[in-house]
């Protein structure tokens, strides 16, 4: 995941942007979460069978944040949602 973020191989659907903005987070904060955080939980989607990962990290200013993501075929990270703890 870190390499995908470093090489800008990630996308954030509209839901992720809405949640990011509602918690007053920036794209830099989301990137910082992935680059400094750890996977704390892995969940399998009951409908699709895809794995989703909860990454706990920090914003650029040190506030705790969680990002929910999945890795799609073709090595692209999809940031489903993000929120402050």
Protein backbone atom coordinates (compact mmCIF):
# COMPACT_ATOMS: atom_id res chain seq x y z
CA UNK A 1 0.00 0.00 0.00
CA UNK A 2 2.79 2.40 0.84
CA UNK A 3 4.39 1.90 -2.56
CA UNK A 4 1.05 2.46 -4.29
CA UNK A 5 0.60 5.75 -2.42
CA UNK A 6 4.20 6.83 -3.08
CA UNK A 7 3.77 6.20 -6.81
CA UNK A 8 0.28 7.84 -6.89
CA UNK A 9 -1.41 4.60 -7.91
CA UNK A 10 -4.52 5.16 -5.83
CA UNK A 11 -8.01 6.54 -6.30
CA UNK A 12 -10.62 7.86 -3.92
CA UNK A 13 -14.26 7.51 -4.99
CA UNK A 14 -16.75 10.26 -4.19
CA UNK A 15 -17.76 8.70 -0.85
CA UNK A 16 -14.15 8.87 0.33
CA UNK A 17 -13.87 12.53 -0.67
CA UNK A 18 -17.11 13.40 1.13
CA UNK A 19 -15.98 11.69 4.33
CA UNK A 20 -12.51 13.25 4.08
CA UNK A 21 -13.98 16.73 3.76
CA UNK A 22 -16.56 16.20 6.52
CA UNK A 23 -13.72 15.40 8.94
CA UNK A 24 -11.67 18.33 7.61
CA UNK A 25 -8.93 16.07 6.29
CA UNK A 26 -6.75 16.72 3.27
CA UNK A 27 -5.34 14.38 0.67
CA UNK A 28 -1.96 14.91 2.33
CA UNK A 29 -3.48 13.61 5.60
CA UNK A 30 -4.78 10.49 3.83
CA UNK A 31 -1.41 9.83 2.21
CA UNK A 32 0.35 10.39 5.55
CA UNK A 33 -1.98 7.83 7.17
CA UNK A 34 -0.89 5.14 4.70
CA UNK A 35 2.77 6.06 4.87
CA UNK A 36 2.96 6.07 8.67
CA UNK A 37 0.15 3.71 9.68
CA UNK A 38 -0.40 0.02 10.12
CA UNK A 39 -3.08 -2.41 9.02
CA UNK A 40 -5.14 -3.06 12.15
CA UNK A 41 -7.92 -5.14 10.62
CA UNK A 42 -8.68 -7.09 7.48
CA UNK A 43 -12.31 -7.70 6.47
CA UNK A 44 -13.79 -9.84 3.70
CA UNK A 45 -16.80 -8.34 1.94
CA UNK A 46 -19.62 -10.88 2.25
CA UNK A 47 -21.11 -9.96 -1.11
CA UNK A 48 -18.02 -9.60 -3.33
CA UNK A 49 -15.43 -11.62 -1.42
CA UNK A 50 -12.95 -8.74 -1.71
CA UNK A 51 -10.58 -7.95 1.12
CA UNK A 52 -10.77 -4.54 2.76
CA UNK A 53 -8.09 -3.17 5.05
CA UNK A 54 -8.37 -0.73 7.96
CA UNK A 55 -5.19 1.31 8.28
CA UNK A 56 -4.65 3.34 11.45
CA UNK A 57 -2.19 6.18 11.14
CA UNK A 58 -1.77 9.88 11.70
CA UNK A 59 -2.49 13.04 9.79
CA UNK A 60 0.36 15.37 8.94
CA UNK A 61 -0.31 17.17 12.22
CA UNK A 62 -0.34 13.98 14.30
CA UNK A 63 -4.08 13.43 14.71
CA UNK A 64 -5.20 9.76 14.65
CA UNK A 65 -7.04 8.72 11.50
CA UNK A 66 -8.32 5.51 9.89
CA UNK A 67 -8.45 4.75 6.18
CA UNK A 68 -10.46 1.87 4.74
CA UNK A 69 -9.11 0.59 1.44
CA UNK A 70 -8.79 -2.30 -0.95
CA UNK A 71 -6.28 -3.25 -3.62
CA UNK A 72 -7.75 -3.84 -7.05
CA UNK A 73 -6.27 -6.01 -9.78
CA UNK A 74 -3.67 -4.07 -11.69
CA UNK A 75 -2.14 -2.88 -8.43
CA UNK A 76 -4.34 0.14 -7.71
CA UNK A 77 -5.27 1.17 -4.19
CA UNK A 78 -8.88 2.27 -3.70
CA UNK A 79 -9.44 4.46 -0.63
CA UNK A 80 -13.05 3.66 0.27
CA UNK A 81 -13.37 6.03 3.21
CA UNK A 82 -11.31 7.88 5.77
CA UNK A 83 -12.19 9.30 9.18
CA UNK A 84 -10.67 10.76 12.31
CA UNK A 85 -10.70 8.73 15.51
